Amino acid sequence: MSPRNNKDRLGKKDAGETPPVQSSITTEDLLSFVVPTEMVDLPSRGQFYAEGHPLHNEESIEIRHMTAKDEDILTSKTLLKKGIALERVLQNIIVDKNININDLLVGDKNSIIVASRISAYGPSYDTNITCPACFANAEHSFDLTEMEVKEYAEEEFSELGVEKNSDGTFMILLPLTKAYVNVRLLNGHDEKKLNARITNRNKKLGTKEETTLTDQFKQFVVSVNGVDDKIQIGKFIDNMPANDSRWLRTAYGKLVPNIDATQDFECPSCGFEQEMEVPFTYNFFWPK
């Protein structure tokens, strides 16, 4: 057995050894840690909020980074069942408490969702994708930093038969029926109503259908040829020629300020390539 080293046993050090560096951070400093914040660009640039709204003509919004407490909210079974877990977290991370997350335009809300995910878990988003060509399932990695702000294309309005009204709505002339359709931009309240309508319908029918195009049209169409009766608007939308439906969808997509969520996808099985929208699946806020 080798002899014991008295220096090690007694904790003594050689004279030439450097003593450990003492941290300058005190317990008080640790407990007073301030969560970082960042400014997020708004696709709307604040142009579609009424005077008096905190975001009127504001180009960005300040949010704080997500915390462990926010993760608790995202995993709350009660809040998830009610469908308000993400909404609660987004409301919490907005610095200006005068701003209601549901008052935000959908595109602005999407921008906050992506920014908060990047700051919390990084820009790499790995999720399963089903190839549209061979239907093979494969994991694909999306870079969330490649999502850029897509401002509404006002320079294309004349080509699409779109006119901006003074009240913030837009008039779209459909090419086939020649109907004038007045539309508005959707916000968080509209999203909740749309989701509730689909949920109630699925309960009645015992199905699991997703939101359809006609559901979306009925949510953002204000009037058709000056008629604002919801029943009449619904009948028109249900019987709208496919040509007009596609035109309305394209025109509305151009005028809505949002983030561009399309990225290149290549199937590892068959080599099929195309642009694809980044899918916001259940694991968006819970990466591996």
C-alpha atoms as a PDB file:
ATOM      1  CA  MET A   1       0.000   0.000   0.000  1.00  0.00           C
ATOM      2  CA  SER A   2       1.437   3.375  -0.904  1.00  0.00           C
ATOM      3  CA  PRO A   3       2.019   5.941   1.849  1.00  0.00           C
ATOM      4  CA  ARG A   4      -0.705   8.538   2.394  1.00  0.00           C
ATOM      5  CA  ASN A   5      -0.013  12.095   1.357  1.00  0.00           C
ATOM      6  CA  ASN A   6      -0.435  14.323   4.421  1.00  0.00           C
ATOM      7  CA  LYS A   7      -0.928  17.328   2.185  1.00  0.00           C
ATOM      8  CA  ASP A   8      -3.963  15.734   0.525  1.00  0.00           C
ATOM      9  CA  ARG A   9      -5.303  14.405   3.835  1.00  0.00           C
ATOM     10  CA  LEU A  10      -5.119  17.743   5.597  1.00  0.00           C
ATOM     11  CA  GLY A  11      -6.111  19.835   2.611  1.00  0.00           C
ATOM     12  CA  LYS A  12      -2.829  21.746   2.596  1.00  0.00           C
ATOM     13  CA  LYS A  13      -1.532  23.229  -0.636  1.00  0.00           C
ATOM     14  CA  ASP A  14       1.900  24.031  -1.954  1.00  0.00           C
ATOM     15  CA  ALA A  15       2.993  27.609  -1.484  1.00  0.00           C
ATOM     16  CA  GLY A  16       3.043  28.139  -5.211  1.00  0.00           C
ATOM     17  CA  GLU A  17      -0.540  27.035  -5.847  1.00  0.00           C
ATOM     18  CA  THR A  18      -3.088  29.690  -6.850  1.00  0.00           C
ATOM     19  CA  PRO A  19      -6.088  29.957  -4.510  1.00  0.00           C
ATOM     20  CA  PRO A  20      -9.530  29.471  -6.131  1.00  0.00           C
ATOM     21  CA  VAL A  21     -11.112  32.561  -7.679  1.00  0.00           C
ATOM     22  CA  GLN A  22     -14.002  33.854  -5.613  1.00  0.00           C
ATOM     23  CA  SER A  23     -17.141  34.702  -7.621  1.00  0.00           C
ATOM     24  CA  SER A  24     -18.228  38.337  -7.501  1.00  0.00           C
ATOM     25  CA  ILE A  25     -21.890  37.274  -7.884  1.00  0.00           C
ATOM     26  CA  THR A  26     -23.679  37.356  -4.567  1.00  0.00           C
ATOM     27  CA  THR A  27     -26.811  35.472  -3.533  1.00  0.00           C
ATOM     28  CA  GLU A  28     -28.705  38.735  -3.795  1.00  0.00           C
ATOM     29  CA  ASP A  29     -27.527  39.144  -7.407  1.00  0.00           C
ATOM     30  CA  LEU A  30     -28.784  35.667  -8.307  1.00  0.00           C
ATOM     31  CA  LEU A  31     -32.205  36.247  -6.784  1.00  0.00           C
ATOM     32  CA  SER A  32     -32.604  39.601  -8.547  1.00  0.00           C
ATOM     33  CA  PHE A  33     -31.852  38.206 -12.017  1.00  0.00           C
ATOM     34  CA  VAL A  34     -33.792  40.054 -14.704  1.00  0.00           C
ATOM     35  CA  VAL A  35     -35.158  37.998 -17.595  1.00  0.00           C
ATOM     36  CA  PRO A  36     -33.837  39.339 -20.932  1.00  0.00           C
ATOM     37  CA  THR A  37     -36.186  41.013 -23.386  1.00  0.00           C
ATOM     38  CA  GLU A  38     -36.073  41.579 -27.136  1.00  0.00           C
ATOM     39  CA  MET A  39     -37.850  43.634 -29.771  1.00  0.00           C
ATOM     40  CA  VAL A  40     -39.884  41.689 -32.344  1.00  0.00           C
ATOM     41  CA  ASP A  41     -40.725  43.197 -35.741  1.00  0.00           C
ATOM     42  CA  LEU A  42     -44.450  43.389 -36.454  1.00  0.00           C
ATOM     43  CA  PRO A  43     -45.432  42.420 -40.018  1.00  0.00           C
ATOM     44  CA  SER A  44     -48.256  44.980 -39.839  1.00  0.00           C
ATOM     45  CA  ARG A  45     -45.864  47.773 -38.836  1.00  0.00           C
ATOM     46  CA  GLY A  46     -48.747  48.917 -36.624  1.00  0.00           C
ATOM     47  CA  GLN A  47     -50.654  50.267 -39.619  1.00  0.00           C
ATOM     48  CA  PHE A  48     -53.927  48.430 -39.000  1.00  0.00           C
ATOM     49  CA  TYR A  49     -54.474  49.244 -35.329  1.00  0.00           C
ATOM     50  CA  ALA A  50     -56.880  52.020 -34.424  1.00  0.00           C
ATOM     51  CA  GLU A  51     -55.704  55.250 -32.835  1.00  0.00           C
ATOM     52  CA  GLY A  52     -55.372  54.734 -29.117  1.00  0.00           C
ATOM     53  CA  HIS A  53     -54.222  51.135 -29.464  1.00  0.00           C
ATOM     54  CA  PRO A  54     -50.766  50.624 -27.881  1.00  0.00           C
ATOM     55  CA  LEU A  55     -49.439  49.286 -31.200  1.00  0.00           C
ATOM     56  CA  HIS A  56     -50.872  51.994 -33.453  1.00  0.00           C
ATOM     57  CA  ASN A  57     -48.102  52.795 -35.973  1.00  0.00           C
ATOM     58  CA  GLU A  58     -45.578  50.823 -33.866  1.00  0.00           C
ATOM     59  CA  GLU A  59     -43.174  48.717 -35.930  1.00  0.00           C
ATOM     60  CA  SER A  60     -42.129  46.364 -33.141  1.00  0.00           C
ATOM     61  CA  ILE A  61     -43.208  44.923 -29.794  1.00  0.00           C
ATOM     62  CA  GLU A  62     -41.089  44.091 -26.732  1.00  0.00           C
ATOM     63  CA  ILE A  63     -41.283  40.579 -25.281  1.00  0.00           C
ATOM     64  CA  ARG A  64     -39.325  38.842 -22.551  1.00  0.00           C
ATOM     65  CA  HIS A  65     -37.728  35.436 -22.945  1.00  0.00           C
ATOM     66  CA  MET A  66     -39.691  32.381 -21.803  1.00  0.00           C
ATOM     67  CA  THR A  67     -38.969  30.986 -18.343  1.00  0.00           C
ATOM     68  CA  ALA A  68     -39.392  27.658 -16.534  1.00  0.00           C
ATOM     69  CA  LYS A  69     -42.697  28.978 -15.193  1.00  0.00           C
ATOM     70  CA  ASP A  70     -43.882  29.497 -18.770  1.00  0.00           C
ATOM     71  CA  GLU A  71     -42.954  25.900 -19.543  1.00  0.00           C
ATOM     72  CA  ASP A  72     -45.193  24.852 -16.650  1.00  0.00           C
ATOM     73  CA  ILE A  73     -48.071  26.631 -18.355  1.00  0.00           C
ATOM     74  CA  LEU A  74     -47.364  24.926 -21.673  1.00  0.00           C
ATOM     75  CA  THR A  75     -47.640  21.528 -19.993  1.00  0.00           C
ATOM     76  CA  SER A  76     -50.728  22.274 -17.904  1.00  0.00           C
ATOM     77  CA  LYS A  77     -53.309  19.618 -18.794  1.00  0.00           C
ATOM     78  CA  THR A  78     -56.145  21.936 -17.782  1.00  0.00           C
ATOM     79  CA  LEU A  79     -54.958  24.814 -19.971  1.00  0.00           C
ATOM     80  CA  LEU A  80     -54.100  22.489 -22.861  1.00  0.00           C
ATOM     81  CA  LYS A  81     -57.574  20.961 -22.726  1.00  0.00           C
ATOM     82  CA  LYS A  82     -59.091  24.440 -22.841  1.00  0.00           C
ATOM     83  CA  GLY A  83     -56.755  25.363 -25.710  1.00  0.00           C
ATOM     84  CA  ILE A  84     -55.389  28.444 -23.944  1.00  0.00           C
ATOM     85  CA  ALA A  85     -51.921  27.320 -22.794  1.00  0.00           C
ATOM     86  CA  LEU A  86     -50.017  29.062 -25.616  1.00  0.00           C
ATOM     87  CA  GLU A  87     -52.271  32.115 -25.393  1.00  0.00           C
ATOM     88  CA  ARG A  88     -51.502  32.412 -21.668  1.00  0.00           C
ATOM     89  CA  VAL A  89     -47.739  32.200 -22.256  1.00  0.00           C
ATOM     90  CA  LEU A  90     -47.804  34.769 -25.057  1.00  0.00           C
ATOM     91  CA  GLN A  91     -49.795  37.151 -22.873  1.00  0.00           C
ATOM     92  CA  ASN A  92     -47.252  36.706 -20.075  1.00  0.00           C
ATOM     93  CA  ILE A  93     -44.190  37.445 -22.197  1.00  0.00           C
ATOM     94  CA  ILE A  94     -45.521  40.692 -23.687  1.00  0.00           C
ATOM     95  CA  VAL A  95     -43.869  43.470 -21.678  1.00  0.00           C
ATOM     96  CA  ASP A  96     -46.602  46.099 -22.186  1.00  0.00           C
ATOM     97  CA  LYS A  97     -49.518  44.767 -20.140  1.00  0.00           C
ATOM     98  CA  ASN A  98     -51.900  47.164 -21.906  1.00  0.00           C
ATOM     99  CA  ILE A  99     -51.671  44.876 -24.957  1.00  0.00           C
ATOM    100  CA  ASN A 100     -54.107  41.964 -25.206  1.00  0.00           C
ATOM    101  CA  ILE A 101     -52.675  39.061 -27.206  1.00  0.00           C
ATOM    102  CA  ASN A 102     -56.076  38.426 -28.816  1.00  0.00           C
ATOM    103  CA  ASP A 103     -56.257  42.013 -30.104  1.00  0.00           C
ATOM    104  CA  LEU A 104     -53.160  41.396 -32.224  1.00  0.00           C
ATOM    105  CA  LEU A 105     -53.474  40.673 -35.918  1.00  0.00           C
ATOM    106  CA  VAL A 106     -52.791  37.033 -36.743  1.00  0.00           C
ATOM    107  CA  GLY A 107     -49.539  37.836 -38.562  1.00  0.00           C
ATOM    108  CA  ASP A 108     -48.201  39.874 -35.647  1.00  0.00           C
ATOM    109  CA  LYS A 109     -49.116  37.089 -33.232  1.00  0.00           C
ATOM    110  CA  ASN A 110     -47.311  34.547 -35.445  1.00  0.00           C
ATOM    111  CA  SER A 111     -44.198  36.698 -35.412  1.00  0.00           C
ATOM    112  CA  ILE A 112     -44.190  36.697 -31.593  1.00  0.00           C
ATOM    113  CA  ILE A 113     -44.697  32.912 -31.492  1.00  0.00           C
ATOM    114  CA  VAL A 114     -41.665  32.283 -33.711  1.00  0.00           C
ATOM    115  CA  ALA A 115     -39.465  34.809 -31.899  1.00  0.00           C
ATOM    116  CA  SER A 116     -40.309  33.368 -28.478  1.00  0.00           C
ATOM    117  CA  ARG A 117     -39.580  29.831 -29.673  1.00  0.00           C
ATOM    118  CA  ILE A 118     -36.178  30.864 -31.078  1.00  0.00           C
ATOM    119  CA  SER A 119     -35.143  32.650 -27.885  1.00  0.00           C
ATOM    120  CA  ALA A 120     -36.251  29.697 -25.748  1.00  0.00           C
ATOM    121  CA  TYR A 121     -34.977  26.684 -27.692  1.00  0.00           C
ATOM    122  CA  GLY A 122     -32.946  27.980 -30.632  1.00  0.00           C
ATOM    123  CA  PRO A 123     -33.690  28.319 -34.348  1.00  0.00           C
ATOM    124  CA  SER A 124     -33.519  24.640 -35.321  1.00  0.00           C
ATOM    125  CA  TYR A 125     -36.952  22.992 -35.514  1.00  0.00           C
ATOM    126  CA  ASP A 126     -36.957  19.238 -36.212  1.00  0.00           C
ATOM    127  CA  THR A 127     -40.293  17.637 -37.027  1.00  0.00           C
ATOM    128  CA  ASN A 128     -41.727  14.758 -39.052  1.00  0.00           C
ATOM    129  CA  ILE A 129     -42.799  15.515 -42.628  1.00  0.00           C
ATOM    130  CA  THR A 130     -44.873  13.360 -44.963  1.00  0.00           C
ATOM    131  CA  CYS A 131     -43.582  13.585 -48.529  1.00  0.00           C
ATOM    132  CA  PRO A 132     -46.377  14.757 -50.906  1.00  0.00           C
ATOM    133  CA  ALA A 133     -44.946  12.524 -53.668  1.00  0.00           C
ATOM    134  CA  CYS A 134     -44.110   9.158 -52.082  1.00  0.00           C
ATOM    135  CA  PHE A 135     -45.883   9.634 -48.710  1.00  0.00           C
ATOM    136  CA  ALA A 136     -42.783   8.537 -46.815  1.00  0.00           C
ATOM    137  CA  ASN A 137     -42.332   9.964 -43.313  1.00  0.00           C
ATOM    138  CA  ALA A 138     -39.016  11.582 -42.524  1.00  0.00           C
ATOM    139  CA  GLU A 139     -37.627  13.997 -39.982  1.00  0.00           C
ATOM    140  CA  HIS A 140     -36.760  17.370 -41.473  1.00  0.00           C
ATOM    141  CA  SER A 141     -34.960  20.287 -39.866  1.00  0.00           C
ATOM    142  CA  PHE A 142     -36.278  23.813 -40.449  1.00  0.00           C
ATOM    143  CA  ASP A 143     -34.296  26.965 -39.674  1.00  0.00           C
ATOM    144  CA  LEU A 144     -36.721  29.384 -38.020  1.00  0.00           C
ATOM    145  CA  THR A 145     -34.379  32.335 -38.591  1.00  0.00           C
ATOM    146  CA  GLU A 146     -35.131  32.036 -42.310  1.00  0.00           C
ATOM    147  CA  MET A 147     -38.714  33.140 -41.683  1.00  0.00           C
ATOM    148  CA  GLU A 148     -38.894  36.730 -42.881  1.00  0.00           C
ATOM    149  CA  VAL A 149     -41.563  39.359 -42.413  1.00  0.00           C
ATOM    150  CA  LYS A 150     -43.989  39.393 -45.344  1.00  0.00           C
ATOM    151  CA  GLU A 151     -45.554  42.821 -45.590  1.00  0.00           C
ATOM    152  CA  TYR A 152     -48.783  43.274 -47.488  1.00  0.00           C
ATOM    153  CA  ALA A 153     -48.114  43.854 -51.170  1.00  0.00           C
ATOM    154  CA  GLU A 154     -49.887  47.155 -51.816  1.00  0.00           C
ATOM    155  CA  GLU A 155     -48.123  47.553 -55.162  1.00  0.00           C
ATOM    156  CA  GLU A 156     -49.964  44.439 -56.393  1.00  0.00           C
ATOM    157  CA  PHE A 157     -53.426  45.648 -55.372  1.00  0.00           C
ATOM    158  CA  SER A 158     -54.468  46.965 -58.776  1.00  0.00           C
ATOM    159  CA  GLU A 159     -53.556  43.676 -60.474  1.00  0.00           C
ATOM    160  CA  LEU A 160     -55.622  41.719 -57.945  1.00  0.00           C
ATOM    161  CA  GLY A 161     -58.615  44.035 -57.994  1.00  0.00           C
ATOM    162  CA  VAL A 162     -58.049  45.192 -54.411  1.00  0.00           C
ATOM    163  CA  GLU A 163     -58.838  48.610 -52.966  1.00  0.00           C
ATOM    164  CA  LYS A 164     -57.990  49.724 -49.437  1.00  0.00           C
ATOM    165  CA  ASN A 165     -60.879  51.351 -47.590  1.00  0.00           C
ATOM    166  CA  SER A 166     -60.549  54.188 -45.082  1.00  0.00           C
ATOM    167  CA  ASP A 167     -61.809  51.975 -42.221  1.00  0.00           C
ATOM    168  CA  GLY A 168     -58.978  49.456 -42.617  1.00  0.00           C
ATOM    169  CA  THR A 169     -60.980  46.926 -44.644  1.00  0.00           C
ATOM    170  CA  PHE A 170     -60.299  45.932 -48.268  1.00  0.00           C
ATOM    171  CA  MET A 171     -62.573  45.612 -51.305  1.00  0.00           C
ATOM    172  CA  ILE A 172     -61.792  42.740 -53.681  1.00  0.00           C
ATOM    173  CA  LEU A 173     -63.395  42.410 -57.123  1.00  0.00           C
ATOM    174  CA  LEU A 174     -63.931  38.765 -58.075  1.00  0.00           C
ATOM    175  CA  PRO A 175     -63.159  38.068 -61.769  1.00  0.00           C
ATOM    176  CA  LEU A 176     -66.003  35.666 -62.639  1.00  0.00           C
ATOM    177  CA  THR A 177     -69.081  36.771 -60.677  1.00  0.00           C
ATOM    178  CA  LYS A 178     -67.896  40.413 -60.659  1.00  0.00           C
ATOM    179  CA  ALA A 179     -68.943  40.580 -57.030  1.00  0.00           C
ATOM    180  CA  TYR A 180     -67.367  43.156 -54.733  1.00  0.00           C
ATOM    181  CA  VAL A 181     -66.250  41.378 -51.556  1.00  0.00           C
ATOM    182  CA  ASN A 182     -65.338  43.501 -48.542  1.00  0.00           C
ATOM    183  CA  VAL A 183     -62.842  41.762 -46.214  1.00  0.00           C
ATOM    184  CA  ARG A 184     -61.040  42.553 -42.972  1.00  0.00           C
ATOM    185  CA  LEU A 185     -57.840  41.355 -41.339  1.00  0.00           C
ATOM    186  CA  LEU A 186     -58.291  38.691 -38.650  1.00  0.00           C
ATOM    187  CA  ASN A 187     -57.039  38.919 -35.080  1.00  0.00           C
ATOM    188  CA  GLY A 188     -56.708  36.531 -32.150  1.00  0.00           C
ATOM    189  CA  HIS A 189     -60.377  36.849 -31.215  1.00  0.00           C
ATOM    190  CA  ASP A 190     -61.337  35.721 -34.731  1.00  0.00           C
ATOM    191  CA  GLU A 191     -59.000  32.727 -34.482  1.00  0.00           C
ATOM    192  CA  LYS A 192     -60.669  31.638 -31.245  1.00  0.00           C
ATOM    193  CA  LYS A 193     -64.152  31.969 -32.749  1.00  0.00           C
ATOM    194  CA  LEU A 194     -63.110  29.993 -35.817  1.00  0.00           C
ATOM    195  CA  ASN A 195     -61.574  27.206 -33.733  1.00  0.00           C
ATOM    196  CA  ALA A 196     -64.645  27.088 -31.482  1.00  0.00           C
ATOM    197  CA  ARG A 197     -66.939  26.797 -34.515  1.00  0.00           C
ATOM    198  CA  ILE A 198     -64.939  23.885 -35.916  1.00  0.00           C
ATOM    199  CA  THR A 199     -64.811  22.157 -32.528  1.00  0.00           C
ATOM    200  CA  ASN A 200     -68.568  22.465 -32.010  1.00  0.00           C
ATOM    201  CA  ARG A 201     -69.278  21.201 -35.514  1.00  0.00           C
ATOM    202  CA  ASN A 202     -67.000  18.205 -35.047  1.00  0.00           C
ATOM    203  CA  LYS A 203     -68.720  17.359 -31.769  1.00  0.00           C
ATOM    204  CA  LYS A 204     -72.123  17.399 -33.432  1.00  0.00           C
ATOM    205  CA  LEU A 205     -70.999  15.367 -36.442  1.00  0.00           C
ATOM    206  CA  GLY A 206     -68.590  13.117 -34.559  1.00  0.00           C
ATOM    207  CA  THR A 207     -65.760  13.977 -36.949  1.00  0.00           C
ATOM    208  CA  LYS A 208     -62.274  15.465 -36.719  1.00  0.00           C
ATOM    209  CA  GLU A 209     -62.318  17.846 -39.667  1.00  0.00           C
ATOM    210  CA  GLU A 210     -59.921  20.762 -39.864  1.00  0.00           C
ATOM    211  CA  THR A 211     -60.690  24.347 -40.807  1.00  0.00           C
ATOM    212  CA  THR A 212     -61.914  24.615 -44.394  1.00  0.00           C
ATOM    213  CA  LEU A 213     -61.503  27.457 -46.875  1.00  0.00           C
ATOM    214  CA  THR A 214     -65.184  28.355 -46.605  1.00  0.00           C
ATOM    215  CA  ASP A 215     -64.849  28.575 -42.815  1.00  0.00           C
ATOM    216  CA  GLN A 216     -62.019  31.061 -43.222  1.00  0.00           C
ATOM    217  CA  PHE A 217     -63.880  33.067 -45.867  1.00  0.00           C
ATOM    218  CA  LYS A 218     -66.953  33.370 -43.640  1.00  0.00           C
ATOM    219  CA  GLN A 219     -64.752  34.710 -40.851  1.00  0.00           C
ATOM    220  CA  PHE A 220     -63.063  37.529 -42.772  1.00  0.00           C
ATOM    221  CA  VAL A 221     -65.711  38.528 -45.364  1.00  0.00           C
ATOM    222  CA  VAL A 222     -67.602  41.603 -44.119  1.00  0.00           C
ATOM    223  CA  SER A 223     -70.024  42.040 -47.002  1.00  0.00           C
ATOM    224  CA  VAL A 224     -70.737  41.021 -50.612  1.00  0.00           C
ATOM    225  CA  ASN A 225     -72.007  43.748 -52.949  1.00  0.00           C
ATOM    226  CA  GLY A 226     -72.934  45.755 -49.874  1.00  0.00           C
ATOM    227  CA  VAL A 227     -74.950  42.940 -48.258  1.00  0.00           C
ATOM    228  CA  ASP A 228     -73.680  42.252 -44.725  1.00  0.00           C
ATOM    229  CA  ASP A 229     -76.212  39.606 -43.649  1.00  0.00           C
ATOM    230  CA  LYS A 230     -74.210  36.591 -42.407  1.00  0.00           C
ATOM    231  CA  ILE A 231     -76.668  34.041 -43.782  1.00  0.00           C
ATOM    232  CA  GLN A 232     -76.612  35.566 -47.265  1.00  0.00           C
ATOM    233  CA  ILE A 233     -72.820  35.868 -47.174  1.00  0.00           C
ATOM    234  CA  GLY A 234     -72.571  32.207 -46.173  1.00  0.00           C
ATOM    235  CA  LYS A 235     -74.748  31.106 -49.090  1.00  0.00           C
ATOM    236  CA  PHE A 236     -72.655  33.127 -51.528  1.00  0.00           C
ATOM    237  CA  ILE A 237     -69.396  31.665 -50.191  1.00  0.00           C
ATOM    238  CA  ASP A 238     -70.691  28.073 -50.293  1.00  0.00           C
ATOM    239  CA  ASN A 239     -71.688  28.494 -53.954  1.00  0.00           C
ATOM    240  CA  MET A 240     -68.757  30.646 -55.069  1.00  0.00           C
ATOM    241  CA  PRO A 241     -67.146  29.380 -58.316  1.00  0.00           C
ATOM    242  CA  ALA A 242     -63.751  27.769 -57.727  1.00  0.00           C
ATOM    243  CA  ASN A 243     -62.128  30.420 -59.925  1.00  0.00           C
ATOM    244  CA  ASP A 244     -63.395  33.214 -57.669  1.00  0.00           C
ATOM    245  CA  SER A 245     -62.535  31.224 -54.550  1.00  0.00           C
ATOM    246  CA  ARG A 246     -58.931  30.882 -55.642  1.00  0.00           C
ATOM    247  CA  TRP A 247     -58.771  34.568 -56.561  1.00  0.00           C
ATOM    248  CA  LEU A 248     -60.149  35.606 -53.159  1.00  0.00           C
ATOM    249  CA  ARG A 249     -57.687  33.334 -51.354  1.00  0.00           C
ATOM    250  CA  THR A 250     -54.741  34.672 -53.367  1.00  0.00           C
ATOM    251  CA  ALA A 251     -55.714  38.331 -53.003  1.00  0.00           C
ATOM    252  CA  TYR A 252     -56.339  38.010 -49.279  1.00  0.00           C
ATOM    253  CA  GLY A 253     -52.983  36.286 -48.812  1.00  0.00           C
ATOM    254  CA  LYS A 254     -51.231  39.200 -50.525  1.00  0.00           C
ATOM    255  CA  LEU A 255     -52.813  41.905 -48.396  1.00  0.00           C
ATOM    256  CA  VAL A 256     -52.389  40.188 -45.006  1.00  0.00           C
ATOM    257  CA  PRO A 257     -49.130  41.162 -43.250  1.00  0.00           C
ATOM    258  CA  ASN A 258     -47.581  37.984 -41.879  1.00  0.00           C
ATOM    259  CA  ILE A 259     -44.373  35.960 -41.688  1.00  0.00           C
ATOM    260  CA  ASP A 260     -43.216  33.897 -44.645  1.00  0.00           C
ATOM    261  CA  ALA A 261     -43.253  30.343 -43.302  1.00  0.00           C
ATOM    262  CA  THR A 262     -42.285  28.589 -46.541  1.00  0.00           C
ATOM    263  CA  GLN A 263     -38.949  26.760 -46.791  1.00  0.00           C
ATOM    264  CA  ASP A 264     -37.348  24.278 -49.154  1.00  0.00           C
ATOM    265  CA  PHE A 265     -38.029  20.584 -48.558  1.00  0.00           C
ATOM    266  CA  GLU A 266     -36.287  17.595 -50.172  1.00  0.00           C
ATOM    267  CA  CYS A 267     -37.539  14.078 -49.516  1.00  0.00           C
ATOM    268  CA  PRO A 268     -34.671  11.776 -48.483  1.00  0.00           C
ATOM    269  CA  SER A 269     -36.557   8.777 -49.884  1.00  0.00           C
ATOM    270  CA  CYS A 270     -37.512   9.849 -53.407  1.00  0.00           C
ATOM    271  CA  GLY A 271     -35.666  13.136 -53.880  1.00  0.00           C
ATOM    272  CA  PHE A 272     -38.888  15.146 -54.420  1.00  0.00           C
ATOM    273  CA  GLU A 273     -38.308  18.886 -53.913  1.00  0.00           C
ATOM    274  CA  GLN A 274     -40.740  21.733 -53.284  1.00  0.00           C
ATOM    275  CA  GLU A 275     -41.371  24.723 -51.048  1.00  0.00           C
ATOM    276  CA  MET A 276     -43.380  23.787 -47.975  1.00  0.00           C
ATOM    277  CA  GLU A 277     -44.937  25.724 -45.102  1.00  0.00           C
ATOM    278  CA  VAL A 278     -43.271  25.047 -41.771  1.00  0.00           C
ATOM    279  CA  PRO A 279     -45.810  22.941 -39.833  1.00  0.00           C
ATOM    280  CA  PHE A 280     -46.491  24.204 -36.308  1.00  0.00           C
ATOM    281  CA  THR A 281     -46.997  20.783 -34.730  1.00  0.00           C
ATOM    282  CA  TYR A 282     -47.288  19.765 -31.056  1.00  0.00           C
ATOM    283  CA  ASN A 283     -43.495  19.619 -30.649  1.00  0.00           C
ATOM    284  CA  PHE A 284     -42.908  23.203 -31.835  1.00  0.00           C
ATOM    285  CA  PHE A 285     -42.388  24.320 -28.233  1.00  0.00           C
ATOM    286  CA  TRP A 286     -41.023  20.991 -27.067  1.00  0.00           C
ATOM    287  CA  PRO A 287     -37.983  20.155 -29.226  1.00  0.00           C
ATOM    288  CA  LYS A 288     -36.019  17.009 -28.591  1.00  0.00           C
END
